Amino acid sequence: MLNQLLDKVWIANHIPHQGDMCLLDSVRTWDQTSINCIATSHRNADNPLRAHGQLGIACGIEYAAQAMAIHGALSAPADSPRPKVGYLVSVRGVNMYATRLDDISTNLSINATCIMANESNMLYEFSVSANEHVLLEGRAAVVLNAESLK
């Protein structure tokens, strides 16, 4: 694992999510197969994913998807002109152990591990935790450069 703290500015410069939709605050560790990120935005009253005065646990999937996007940017070859664009196409085996994220007073820890990758697809396992308690976990499939698959 590389213990290289990457901040929100770095993240915003490397993923398509901008402004309030850039949900993650930092990358704590990463290597070629996995990443761990930290988030505090779940406590923000103006979080763009909030609905009906709360941030539901299913929104943790977006936090995990952004960690996957960051992992893709970090894993891209240094000589690539730009990172491949990834689209989240499915989530499977999702288990939710809480109902909300906005009532979690501590930082969120988001983990994503790539368990399969080829030129056009990636499969990740992910989890969102707080205080070492898993709040949400599952698997996600990502299609890369979908516009070129036509």
C-alpha atoms as a PDB file:
ATOM      1  CA  MET A   1       0.000   0.000   0.000  1.00  0.00           C
ATOM      2  CA  LEU A   2       1.186   3.460  -0.827  1.00  0.00           C
ATOM      3  CA  ASN A   3       0.690   5.805   2.102  1.00  0.00           C
ATOM      4  CA  GLN A   4       0.368   8.910   0.014  1.00  0.00           C
ATOM      5  CA  LEU A   5      -2.204  11.378   1.283  1.00  0.00           C
ATOM      6  CA  LEU A   6      -3.981  12.929  -1.676  1.00  0.00           C
ATOM      7  CA  ASP A   7      -6.331  15.784  -0.815  1.00  0.00           C
ATOM      8  CA  LYS A   8      -9.657  17.018  -2.166  1.00  0.00           C
ATOM      9  CA  VAL A   9      -7.958  19.369  -4.655  1.00  0.00           C
ATOM     10  CA  TRP A  10      -6.050  16.437  -6.181  1.00  0.00           C
ATOM     11  CA  ILE A  11      -9.236  14.360  -6.258  1.00  0.00           C
ATOM     12  CA  ALA A  12     -11.280  17.107  -7.973  1.00  0.00           C
ATOM     13  CA  ASN A  13      -8.569  17.444 -10.614  1.00  0.00           C
ATOM     14  CA  HIS A  14      -8.703  13.735 -11.460  1.00  0.00           C
ATOM     15  CA  ILE A  15     -12.376  12.698 -11.424  1.00  0.00           C
ATOM     16  CA  PRO A  16     -15.390  14.174 -13.220  1.00  0.00           C
ATOM     17  CA  HIS A  17     -17.279  14.976  -9.999  1.00  0.00           C
ATOM     18  CA  GLN A  18     -16.961  18.658  -9.133  1.00  0.00           C
ATOM     19  CA  GLY A  19     -18.143  21.096  -6.501  1.00  0.00           C
ATOM     20  CA  ASP A  20     -20.387  19.601  -3.842  1.00  0.00           C
ATOM     21  CA  MET A  21     -20.633  16.362  -5.849  1.00  0.00           C
ATOM     22  CA  CYS A  22     -16.950  15.662  -5.162  1.00  0.00           C
ATOM     23  CA  LEU A  23     -17.799  13.730  -1.999  1.00  0.00           C
ATOM     24  CA  LEU A  24     -14.427  12.388  -0.871  1.00  0.00           C
ATOM     25  CA  ASP A  25     -11.902  14.414   1.123  1.00  0.00           C
ATOM     26  CA  SER A  26      -8.720  12.393   0.787  1.00  0.00           C
ATOM     27  CA  VAL A  27      -7.038   9.197  -0.286  1.00  0.00           C
ATOM     28  CA  ARG A  28      -5.410   7.565   2.708  1.00  0.00           C
ATOM     29  CA  THR A  29      -3.779   4.543   0.981  1.00  0.00           C
ATOM     30  CA  TRP A  30      -3.843   2.840  -2.393  1.00  0.00           C
ATOM     31  CA  ASP A  31      -2.050   0.270  -4.527  1.00  0.00           C
ATOM     32  CA  GLN A  32      -2.714  -1.372  -7.912  1.00  0.00           C
ATOM     33  CA  THR A  33      -5.725  -3.307  -6.613  1.00  0.00           C
ATOM     34  CA  SER A  34      -7.229  -1.289  -3.769  1.00  0.00           C
ATOM     35  CA  ILE A  35      -7.883   2.146  -2.328  1.00  0.00           C
ATOM     36  CA  ASN A  36      -8.989   3.631   0.990  1.00  0.00           C
ATOM     37  CA  CYS A  37     -10.551   7.097   1.049  1.00  0.00           C
ATOM     38  CA  ILE A  38     -11.944   9.359   3.769  1.00  0.00           C
ATOM     39  CA  ALA A  39     -15.127  11.436   3.588  1.00  0.00           C
ATOM     40  CA  THR A  40     -16.729  14.037   5.822  1.00  0.00           C
ATOM     41  CA  SER A  41     -19.342  15.341   3.348  1.00  0.00           C
ATOM     42  CA  HIS A  42     -22.013  12.954   4.670  1.00  0.00           C
ATOM     43  CA  ARG A  43     -22.501  15.410   7.549  1.00  0.00           C
ATOM     44  CA  ASN A  44     -23.024  18.451   5.291  1.00  0.00           C
ATOM     45  CA  ALA A  45     -26.561  19.814   5.367  1.00  0.00           C
ATOM     46  CA  ASP A  46     -26.129  20.848   1.706  1.00  0.00           C
ATOM     47  CA  ASN A  47     -24.910  17.427   0.508  1.00  0.00           C
ATOM     48  CA  PRO A  48     -26.428  17.154  -3.002  1.00  0.00           C
ATOM     49  CA  LEU A  49     -27.497  13.549  -2.377  1.00  0.00           C
ATOM     50  CA  ARG A  50     -29.694  14.435   0.605  1.00  0.00           C
ATOM     51  CA  ALA A  51     -33.419  13.874   0.160  1.00  0.00           C
ATOM     52  CA  HIS A  52     -36.262  14.524   2.591  1.00  0.00           C
ATOM     53  CA  GLY A  53     -33.834  15.973   5.128  1.00  0.00           C
ATOM     54  CA  GLN A  54     -31.524  12.971   5.279  1.00  0.00           C
ATOM     55  CA  LEU A  55     -28.739  11.110   3.491  1.00  0.00           C
ATOM     56  CA  GLY A  56     -29.860   7.502   3.045  1.00  0.00           C
ATOM     57  CA  ILE A  57     -27.425   4.615   3.335  1.00  0.00           C
ATOM     58  CA  ALA A  58     -27.777   3.738  -0.374  1.00  0.00           C
ATOM     59  CA  CYS A  59     -25.933   6.999  -1.122  1.00  0.00           C
ATOM     60  CA  GLY A  60     -22.852   5.187   0.149  1.00  0.00           C
ATOM     61  CA  ILE A  61     -22.739   3.494  -3.256  1.00  0.00           C
ATOM     62  CA  GLU A  62     -21.886   6.881  -4.817  1.00  0.00           C
ATOM     63  CA  TYR A  63     -19.103   7.353  -2.261  1.00  0.00           C
ATOM     64  CA  ALA A  64     -17.720   3.953  -3.265  1.00  0.00           C
ATOM     65  CA  ALA A  65     -18.089   4.751  -6.984  1.00  0.00           C
ATOM     66  CA  GLN A  66     -16.015   7.903  -6.530  1.00  0.00           C
ATOM     67  CA  ALA A  67     -13.330   5.880  -4.738  1.00  0.00           C
ATOM     68  CA  MET A  68     -13.307   3.538  -7.754  1.00  0.00           C
ATOM     69  CA  ALA A  69     -12.943   6.525 -10.100  1.00  0.00           C
ATOM     70  CA  ILE A  70     -10.011   7.816  -8.079  1.00  0.00           C
ATOM     71  CA  HIS A  71      -8.454   4.345  -8.116  1.00  0.00           C
ATOM     72  CA  GLY A  72      -8.818   4.271 -11.891  1.00  0.00           C
ATOM     73  CA  ALA A  73      -7.070   7.637 -12.207  1.00  0.00           C
ATOM     74  CA  LEU A  74      -4.245   6.521  -9.911  1.00  0.00           C
ATOM     75  CA  SER A  75      -3.843   3.180 -11.690  1.00  0.00           C
ATOM     76  CA  ALA A  76      -3.761   4.633 -15.206  1.00  0.00           C
ATOM     77  CA  PRO A  77      -0.405   4.382 -16.960  1.00  0.00           C
ATOM     78  CA  ALA A  78       1.639   7.561 -16.502  1.00  0.00           C
ATOM     79  CA  ASP A  79       1.914   8.009 -20.276  1.00  0.00           C
ATOM     80  CA  SER A  80      -1.833   7.692 -20.960  1.00  0.00           C
ATOM     81  CA  PRO A  81      -3.310  10.870 -22.492  1.00  0.00           C
ATOM     82  CA  ARG A  82      -6.285  10.773 -20.114  1.00  0.00           C
ATOM     83  CA  PRO A  83      -7.823   8.220 -17.779  1.00  0.00           C
ATOM     84  CA  LYS A  84     -10.481   5.956 -19.224  1.00  0.00           C
ATOM     85  CA  VAL A  85     -14.027   7.110 -18.508  1.00  0.00           C
ATOM     86  CA  GLY A  86     -15.846   4.583 -16.344  1.00  0.00           C
ATOM     87  CA  TYR A  87     -19.582   4.066 -15.974  1.00  0.00           C
ATOM     88  CA  LEU A  88     -21.096   2.238 -13.037  1.00  0.00           C
ATOM     89  CA  VAL A  89     -23.401  -0.296 -14.698  1.00  0.00           C
ATOM     90  CA  SER A  90     -24.505  -2.515 -11.825  1.00  0.00           C
ATOM     91  CA  VAL A  91     -24.199  -3.197  -8.127  1.00  0.00           C
ATOM     92  CA  ARG A  92     -24.688  -6.647  -6.652  1.00  0.00           C
ATOM     93  CA  GLY A  93     -24.696  -8.309  -3.283  1.00  0.00           C
ATOM     94  CA  VAL A  94     -25.257  -5.009  -1.508  1.00  0.00           C
ATOM     95  CA  ASN A  95     -25.732  -5.318   2.236  1.00  0.00           C
ATOM     96  CA  MET A  96     -26.795  -2.299   4.273  1.00  0.00           C
ATOM     97  CA  TYR A  97     -26.218  -2.322   8.016  1.00  0.00           C
ATOM     98  CA  ALA A  98     -27.539   1.183   8.751  1.00  0.00           C
ATOM     99  CA  THR A  99     -30.356   3.330   7.398  1.00  0.00           C
ATOM    100  CA  ARG A 100     -28.609   6.708   7.113  1.00  0.00           C
ATOM    101  CA  LEU A 101     -25.193   8.268   6.638  1.00  0.00           C
ATOM    102  CA  ASP A 102     -25.908  11.814   7.824  1.00  0.00           C
ATOM    103  CA  ASP A 103     -26.312  10.734  11.444  1.00  0.00           C
ATOM    104  CA  ILE A 104     -22.809   9.186  11.548  1.00  0.00           C
ATOM    105  CA  SER A 105     -20.717  11.635  13.575  1.00  0.00           C
ATOM    106  CA  THR A 106     -17.287  10.299  12.566  1.00  0.00           C
ATOM    107  CA  ASN A 107     -15.519  10.266   9.213  1.00  0.00           C
ATOM    108  CA  LEU A 108     -16.433   7.618   6.678  1.00  0.00           C
ATOM    109  CA  SER A 109     -13.801   5.177   5.470  1.00  0.00           C
ATOM    110  CA  ILE A 110     -14.423   4.000   1.908  1.00  0.00           C
ATOM    111  CA  ASN A 111     -12.619   0.915   0.609  1.00  0.00           C
ATOM    112  CA  ALA A 112     -12.667  -0.447  -2.925  1.00  0.00           C
ATOM    113  CA  THR A 113     -10.773  -3.483  -4.200  1.00  0.00           C
ATOM    114  CA  CYS A 114     -10.541  -4.387  -7.874  1.00  0.00           C
ATOM    115  CA  ILE A 115     -11.189  -8.119  -8.171  1.00  0.00           C
ATOM    116  CA  MET A 116     -11.239  -8.288 -11.992  1.00  0.00           C
ATOM    117  CA  ALA A 117     -10.141  -5.945 -14.765  1.00  0.00           C
ATOM    118  CA  ASN A 118      -9.690  -6.038 -18.519  1.00  0.00           C
ATOM    119  CA  GLU A 119      -9.638  -3.420 -21.281  1.00  0.00           C
ATOM    120  CA  SER A 120     -13.351  -2.647 -21.067  1.00  0.00           C
ATOM    121  CA  ASN A 121     -14.633  -3.847 -17.664  1.00  0.00           C
ATOM    122  CA  MET A 122     -13.756  -3.767 -13.990  1.00  0.00           C
ATOM    123  CA  LEU A 123     -15.341  -5.461 -11.003  1.00  0.00           C
ATOM    124  CA  TYR A 124     -14.859  -4.004  -7.532  1.00  0.00           C
ATOM    125  CA  GLU A 125     -15.755  -5.035  -4.013  1.00  0.00           C
ATOM    126  CA  PHE A 126     -16.493  -2.034  -1.826  1.00  0.00           C
ATOM    127  CA  SER A 127     -17.372  -1.073   1.718  1.00  0.00           C
ATOM    128  CA  VAL A 128     -18.260   2.087   3.592  1.00  0.00           C
ATOM    129  CA  SER A 129     -17.394   2.065   7.289  1.00  0.00           C
ATOM    130  CA  ALA A 130     -17.307   4.308  10.334  1.00  0.00           C
ATOM    131  CA  ASN A 131     -15.478   3.540  13.568  1.00  0.00           C
ATOM    132  CA  GLU A 132     -14.414   0.216  12.013  1.00  0.00           C
ATOM    133  CA  HIS A 133     -18.079  -0.833  11.647  1.00  0.00           C
ATOM    134  CA  VAL A 134     -19.200  -1.664   8.117  1.00  0.00           C
ATOM    135  CA  LEU A 135     -22.266   0.369   7.149  1.00  0.00           C
ATOM    136  CA  LEU A 136     -22.601  -0.785   3.537  1.00  0.00           C
ATOM    137  CA  GLU A 137     -20.817  -3.333   1.331  1.00  0.00           C
ATOM    138  CA  GLY A 138     -21.203  -4.909  -2.075  1.00  0.00           C
ATOM    139  CA  ARG A 139     -19.774  -5.349  -5.550  1.00  0.00           C
ATOM    140  CA  ALA A 140     -19.903  -2.964  -8.496  1.00  0.00           C
ATOM    141  CA  ALA A 141     -19.324  -3.453 -12.217  1.00  0.00           C
ATOM    142  CA  VAL A 142     -17.762  -0.621 -14.204  1.00  0.00           C
ATOM    143  CA  VAL A 143     -17.637  -0.358 -18.005  1.00  0.00           C
ATOM    144  CA  LEU A 144     -14.703   1.650 -19.352  1.00  0.00           C
ATOM    145  CA  ASN A 145     -14.952   3.938 -22.408  1.00  0.00           C
ATOM    146  CA  ALA A 146     -18.504   2.772 -23.145  1.00  0.00           C
ATOM    147  CA  GLU A 147     -18.734   5.142 -26.141  1.00  0.00           C
ATOM    148  CA  SER A 148     -16.077   3.052 -27.929  1.00  0.00           C
ATOM    149  CA  LEU A 149     -18.067  -0.189 -27.490  1.00  0.00           C
ATOM    150  CA  LYS A 150     -20.752   0.758 -30.046  1.00  0.00           C
END
